[in-house]
Amino acid sequence: MDSFKGQGGIQMLLTAEQEAQHIVSSARNLKMARLKQAKEEAEKDVALFRSQMETEYQNKISESSGSSDNTVKRLEEETDKRIKALTKSTSMVSKEIIEMLMKHVTSVKI
C-alpha cells in the first residue's frame, strides 16, 4: 500500500509540475502580449509626435519665408524712397552745377 501512496504522490507531483508549467507559459504569453501592445502604442505616439513636429517645422518655414517676402517688399519701398529723394535733390542742384561748369569752361585764364 505504501508503494501505491508513493505512486499517487509522484502522480500529484507530476500534475502539479504540469500545472506550474501551464501557469508559467500563460504568464509568459500575457507578458509578450503586453510588450507587443506597449510597443504598438509607443510607435503610435512616436508617429503622432513626428507628425506634430513636422507640422510645426513646416509652419516655421512658411513664417520665415513670409517674413522674407515682407522684408523684400520693405527694402524695395525704402530703395524707391531713396531714389526719389536723390532725384529730387539732384534736380534742385543741377541748375547750379550747370552754371558753375559753364562759368569754368567759358572763362579763360591768361
N, C-alpha and C. Protein backbone atom coordinates (compact mmCIF):
# COMPACT_ATOMS: atom_id res chain seq x y z
N MET A 1 0.80 -1.16 0.00
CA MET A 1 0.00 0.00 0.00
C MET A 1 0.86 1.26 0.00
N ASP A 2 2.01 1.18 0.65
CA ASP A 2 2.90 2.31 0.68
C ASP A 2 3.38 2.66 -0.73
N SER A 3 3.58 1.64 -1.53
CA SER A 3 4.02 1.92 -2.89
C SER A 3 2.90 2.61 -3.67
N PHE A 4 1.65 2.28 -3.35
CA PHE A 4 0.52 2.92 -4.00
C PHE A 4 0.46 4.40 -3.60
N LYS A 5 0.69 4.69 -2.33
CA LYS A 5 0.72 6.07 -1.85
C LYS A 5 1.89 6.82 -2.51
N GLY A 6 3.01 6.16 -2.66
CA GLY A 6 4.18 6.76 -3.29
C GLY A 6 3.91 7.10 -4.74
N GLN A 7 3.26 6.17 -5.43
CA GLN A 7 2.95 6.44 -6.83
C GLN A 7 1.91 7.55 -6.96
N GLY A 8 0.96 7.58 -6.04
CA GLY A 8 -0.04 8.66 -6.03
C GLY A 8 0.63 9.99 -5.76
N GLY A 9 1.61 10.00 -4.88
CA GLY A 9 2.35 11.23 -4.58
C GLY A 9 3.13 11.71 -5.79
N ILE A 10 3.75 10.73 -6.48
CA ILE A 10 4.51 11.07 -7.69
C ILE A 10 3.57 11.63 -8.75
N GLN A 11 2.41 11.00 -8.87
CA GLN A 11 1.42 11.46 -9.84
C GLN A 11 0.97 12.88 -9.50
N MET A 12 0.77 13.16 -8.21
CA MET A 12 0.38 14.51 -7.79
C MET A 12 1.48 15.51 -8.11
N LEU A 13 2.74 15.11 -7.89
CA LEU A 13 3.85 16.00 -8.20
C LEU A 13 3.92 16.27 -9.70
N LEU A 14 3.72 15.24 -10.51
CA LEU A 14 3.74 15.43 -11.97
C LEU A 14 2.61 16.35 -12.41
N THR A 15 1.44 16.16 -11.82
CA THR A 15 0.30 17.01 -12.15
C THR A 15 0.58 18.45 -11.72
N ALA A 16 1.13 18.62 -10.56
CA ALA A 16 1.46 19.96 -10.05
C ALA A 16 2.51 20.62 -10.94
N GLU A 17 3.49 19.83 -11.40
CA GLU A 17 4.52 20.36 -12.28
C GLU A 17 3.91 20.81 -13.60
N GLN A 18 3.01 20.01 -14.15
CA GLN A 18 2.36 20.39 -15.40
C GLN A 18 1.53 21.66 -15.23
N GLU A 19 0.83 21.77 -14.12
CA GLU A 19 0.04 22.98 -13.86
C GLU A 19 0.96 24.21 -13.73
N ALA A 20 2.08 24.00 -13.05
CA ALA A 20 3.04 25.10 -12.89
C ALA A 20 3.58 25.52 -14.25
N GLN A 21 3.90 24.57 -15.09
CA GLN A 21 4.38 24.89 -16.44
C GLN A 21 3.31 25.64 -17.23
N HIS A 22 2.07 25.21 -17.07
CA HIS A 22 0.98 25.87 -17.75
C HIS A 22 0.83 27.32 -17.26
N ILE A 23 0.92 27.53 -15.95
CA ILE A 23 0.81 28.87 -15.38
C ILE A 23 1.97 29.76 -15.86
N VAL A 24 3.18 29.21 -15.86
CA VAL A 24 4.35 29.97 -16.31
C VAL A 24 4.21 30.32 -17.79
N SER A 25 3.79 29.35 -18.58
CA SER A 25 3.60 29.57 -20.01
C SER A 25 2.53 30.64 -20.25
N SER A 26 1.47 30.55 -19.51
CA SER A 26 0.39 31.53 -19.62
C SER A 26 0.88 32.93 -19.25
N ALA A 27 1.63 33.03 -18.17
CA ALA A 27 2.17 34.32 -17.74
C ALA A 27 3.14 34.87 -18.79
N ARG A 28 3.95 34.00 -19.36
CA ARG A 28 4.89 34.41 -20.40
C ARG A 28 4.14 34.95 -21.62
N ASN A 29 3.08 34.27 -22.01
CA ASN A 29 2.28 34.71 -23.15
C ASN A 29 1.62 36.07 -22.88
N LEU A 30 1.10 36.25 -21.67
CA LEU A 30 0.49 37.53 -21.31
C LEU A 30 1.53 38.65 -21.32
N LYS A 31 2.72 38.34 -20.81
CA LYS A 31 3.80 39.33 -20.80
C LYS A 31 4.16 39.73 -22.22
N MET A 32 4.29 38.77 -23.11
CA MET A 32 4.63 39.05 -24.50
C MET A 32 3.53 39.90 -25.17
N ALA A 33 2.27 39.58 -24.85
CA ALA A 33 1.15 40.34 -25.41
C ALA A 33 1.19 41.78 -24.92
N ARG A 34 1.47 41.98 -23.62
CA ARG A 34 1.56 43.34 -23.08
C ARG A 34 2.73 44.10 -23.69
N LEU A 35 3.86 43.43 -23.88
CA LEU A 35 5.02 44.08 -24.50
C LEU A 35 4.69 44.49 -25.94
N LYS A 36 4.01 43.62 -26.66
CA LYS A 36 3.64 43.92 -28.04
C LYS A 36 2.68 45.11 -28.09
N GLN A 37 1.72 45.14 -27.17
CA GLN A 37 0.77 46.24 -27.11
C GLN A 37 1.49 47.54 -26.75
N ALA A 38 2.41 47.47 -25.79
CA ALA A 38 3.17 48.67 -25.40
C ALA A 38 4.01 49.19 -26.57
N LYS A 39 4.59 48.26 -27.33
CA LYS A 39 5.40 48.65 -28.49
C LYS A 39 4.53 49.35 -29.53
N GLU A 40 3.35 48.80 -29.80
CA GLU A 40 2.45 49.40 -30.78
C GLU A 40 2.00 50.79 -30.33
N GLU A 41 1.69 50.95 -29.04
CA GLU A 41 1.29 52.25 -28.52
C GLU A 41 2.44 53.25 -28.62
N ALA A 42 3.64 52.80 -28.32
CA ALA A 42 4.81 53.68 -28.42
C ALA A 42 5.04 54.11 -29.86
N GLU A 43 4.88 53.19 -30.80
CA GLU A 43 5.05 53.53 -32.21
C GLU A 43 4.00 54.55 -32.65
N LYS A 44 2.75 54.40 -32.16
CA LYS A 44 1.71 55.37 -32.49
C LYS A 44 2.06 56.74 -31.91
N ASP A 45 2.54 56.76 -30.66
CA ASP A 45 2.93 58.03 -30.02
C ASP A 45 4.07 58.68 -30.78
N VAL A 46 5.04 57.90 -31.20
CA VAL A 46 6.18 58.44 -31.95
C VAL A 46 5.70 59.01 -33.29
N ALA A 47 4.81 58.29 -33.96
CA ALA A 47 4.29 58.77 -35.24
C ALA A 47 3.51 60.08 -35.05
N LEU A 48 2.72 60.16 -34.00
CA LEU A 48 1.96 61.37 -33.72
C LEU A 48 2.91 62.53 -33.40
N PHE A 49 3.91 62.28 -32.58
CA PHE A 49 4.88 63.31 -32.22
C PHE A 49 5.64 63.78 -33.46
N ARG A 50 6.06 62.84 -34.29
CA ARG A 50 6.78 63.18 -35.52
C ARG A 50 5.89 64.05 -36.42
N SER A 51 4.63 63.69 -36.52
CA SER A 51 3.69 64.46 -37.34
C SER A 51 3.54 65.88 -36.80
N GLN A 52 3.42 66.01 -35.49
CA GLN A 52 3.30 67.33 -34.88
C GLN A 52 4.55 68.17 -35.12
N MET A 53 5.70 67.56 -34.95
CA MET A 53 6.96 68.28 -35.16
C MET A 53 7.12 68.70 -36.62
N GLU A 54 6.72 67.83 -37.54
CA GLU A 54 6.80 68.15 -38.97
C GLU A 54 5.87 69.32 -39.31
N THR A 55 4.68 69.30 -38.75
CA THR A 55 3.73 70.40 -38.97
C THR A 55 4.30 71.71 -38.42
N GLU A 56 4.84 71.65 -37.21
CA GLU A 56 5.44 72.85 -36.60
C GLU A 56 6.61 73.36 -37.45
N TYR A 57 7.42 72.44 -37.95
CA TYR A 57 8.57 72.80 -38.79
C TYR A 57 8.09 73.48 -40.07
N GLN A 58 7.07 72.91 -40.71
CA GLN A 58 6.55 73.49 -41.95
C GLN A 58 5.96 74.88 -41.70
N ASN A 59 5.29 75.05 -40.54
CA ASN A 59 4.74 76.36 -40.19
C ASN A 59 5.86 77.38 -40.01
N LYS A 60 6.94 76.99 -39.35
CA LYS A 60 8.06 77.91 -39.14
C LYS A 60 8.70 78.28 -40.47
N ILE A 61 8.82 77.31 -41.36
CA ILE A 61 9.39 77.59 -42.68
C ILE A 61 8.51 78.57 -43.43
N SER A 62 7.20 78.36 -43.40
CA SER A 62 6.31 79.27 -44.12
C SER A 62 6.32 80.66 -43.49
N GLU A 63 6.44 80.73 -42.15
CA GLU A 63 6.52 82.02 -41.48
C GLU A 63 7.79 82.76 -41.86
N SER A 64 8.88 82.04 -41.88
CA SER A 64 10.16 82.69 -42.19
C SER A 64 10.21 83.12 -43.65
N SER A 65 9.66 82.32 -44.54
CA SER A 65 9.65 82.73 -45.94
C SER A 65 8.68 83.88 -46.14
N GLY A 66 7.60 83.89 -45.38
CA GLY A 66 6.66 85.00 -45.44
C GLY A 66 7.30 86.28 -44.94
N SER A 67 8.07 86.19 -43.88
CA SER A 67 8.73 87.38 -43.36
C SER A 67 9.82 87.84 -44.32
N SER A 68 10.45 86.93 -45.04
CA SER A 68 11.46 87.36 -46.01
C SER A 68 10.78 88.09 -47.17
N ASP A 69 9.58 87.67 -47.54
CA ASP A 69 8.82 88.39 -48.56
C ASP A 69 8.51 89.80 -48.08
N ASN A 70 8.12 89.91 -46.82
CA ASN A 70 7.85 91.24 -46.25
C ASN A 70 9.11 92.08 -46.22
N THR A 71 10.23 91.46 -45.90
CA THR A 71 11.50 92.18 -45.86
C THR A 71 11.86 92.68 -47.25
N VAL A 72 11.67 91.86 -48.25
CA VAL A 72 11.97 92.26 -49.63
C VAL A 72 11.09 93.45 -50.03
N LYS A 73 9.82 93.39 -49.71
CA LYS A 73 8.91 94.49 -50.04
C LYS A 73 9.34 95.77 -49.33
N ARG A 74 9.68 95.65 -48.06
CA ARG A 74 10.10 96.81 -47.28
C ARG A 74 11.37 97.43 -47.86
N LEU A 75 12.32 96.57 -48.23
CA LEU A 75 13.56 97.07 -48.81
C LEU A 75 13.32 97.75 -50.16
N GLU A 76 12.43 97.20 -50.97
CA GLU A 76 12.11 97.82 -52.25
C GLU A 76 11.48 99.20 -52.05
N GLU A 77 10.59 99.29 -51.06
CA GLU A 77 9.95 100.58 -50.77
C GLU A 77 10.99 101.61 -50.31
N GLU A 78 11.89 101.19 -49.41
CA GLU A 78 12.93 102.09 -48.93
C GLU A 78 13.84 102.53 -50.07
N THR A 79 14.19 101.61 -50.96
CA THR A 79 15.04 101.94 -52.10
C THR A 79 14.35 102.94 -53.01
N ASP A 80 13.07 102.73 -53.29
CA ASP A 80 12.32 103.67 -54.13
C ASP A 80 12.28 105.06 -53.50
N LYS A 81 12.07 105.12 -52.18
CA LYS A 81 12.04 106.42 -51.50
C LYS A 81 13.39 107.12 -51.62
N ARG A 82 14.47 106.37 -51.44
CA ARG A 82 15.81 106.97 -51.54
C ARG A 82 16.10 107.45 -52.96
N ILE A 83 15.69 106.66 -53.94
CA ILE A 83 15.91 107.06 -55.34
C ILE A 83 15.15 108.35 -55.63
N LYS A 84 13.91 108.44 -55.18
CA LYS A 84 13.11 109.65 -55.40
C LYS A 84 13.74 110.86 -54.71
N ALA A 85 14.23 110.63 -53.47
CA ALA A 85 14.86 111.74 -52.74
C ALA A 85 16.12 112.20 -53.46
N LEU A 86 16.94 111.26 -53.95
CA LEU A 86 18.15 111.64 -54.68
C LEU A 86 17.82 112.34 -55.99
N THR A 87 16.81 111.88 -56.68
CA THR A 87 16.40 112.50 -57.93
C THR A 87 15.94 113.93 -57.68
N LYS A 88 15.16 114.14 -56.64
CA LYS A 88 14.68 115.47 -56.29
C LYS A 88 15.85 116.37 -55.91
N SER A 89 16.77 115.82 -55.12
CA SER A 89 17.94 116.59 -54.68
C SER A 89 18.80 116.99 -55.87
N THR A 90 19.05 116.08 -56.78
CA THR A 90 19.88 116.40 -57.95
C THR A 90 19.19 117.37 -58.88
N SER A 91 17.88 117.29 -59.00
CA SER A 91 17.17 118.23 -59.88
C SER A 91 17.23 119.64 -59.32
N MET A 92 17.25 119.77 -58.01
CA MET A 92 17.34 121.09 -57.38
C MET A 92 18.75 121.68 -57.56
N VAL A 93 19.76 120.87 -57.52
CA VAL A 93 21.13 121.34 -57.56
C VAL A 93 21.68 121.35 -58.99
N SER A 94 21.04 120.69 -59.90
CA SER A 94 21.59 120.56 -61.26
C SER A 94 21.76 121.90 -61.95
N LYS A 95 20.84 122.85 -61.77
CA LYS A 95 20.97 124.18 -62.40
C LYS A 95 22.24 124.87 -61.90
N GLU A 96 22.46 124.81 -60.62
CA GLU A 96 23.65 125.44 -60.05
C GLU A 96 24.92 124.79 -60.58
N ILE A 97 24.92 123.48 -60.69
CA ILE A 97 26.10 122.77 -61.17
C ILE A 97 26.36 123.11 -62.63
N ILE A 98 25.31 123.19 -63.44
CA ILE A 98 25.48 123.54 -64.86
C ILE A 98 26.04 124.95 -64.98
N GLU A 99 25.51 125.87 -64.21
CA GLU A 99 26.02 127.26 -64.25
C GLU A 99 27.49 127.30 -63.84
N MET A 100 27.86 126.58 -62.80
CA MET A 100 29.24 126.57 -62.33
C MET A 100 30.15 125.97 -63.40
N LEU A 101 29.74 124.89 -64.02
CA LEU A 101 30.54 124.26 -65.08
C LEU A 101 30.68 125.20 -66.27
N MET A 102 29.59 125.84 -66.66
CA MET A 102 29.65 126.77 -67.79
C MET A 102 30.59 127.94 -67.48
N LYS A 103 30.56 128.41 -66.26
CA LYS A 103 31.43 129.52 -65.86
C LYS A 103 32.88 129.11 -65.95
N HIS A 104 33.21 127.93 -65.49
CA HIS A 104 34.61 127.48 -65.51
C HIS A 104 35.08 127.10 -66.92
N VAL A 105 34.18 126.57 -67.71
CA VAL A 105 34.55 126.17 -69.06
C VAL A 105 34.72 127.41 -69.96
N THR A 106 33.85 128.36 -69.78
CA THR A 106 33.90 129.53 -70.66
C THR A 106 34.90 130.58 -70.22
N SER A 107 35.31 130.58 -69.00
CA SER A 107 36.32 131.56 -68.57
C SER A 107 37.71 131.06 -68.88
N VAL A 108 38.52 131.92 -69.45
CA VAL A 108 39.86 131.55 -69.83
C VAL A 108 40.82 132.34 -68.95
N LYS A 109 41.75 131.65 -68.36
CA LYS A 109 42.75 132.31 -67.53
C LYS A 109 43.97 132.54 -68.39
N ILE A 110 44.43 133.73 -68.37
CA ILE A 110 45.60 134.06 -69.15
C ILE A 110 46.76 134.40 -68.26
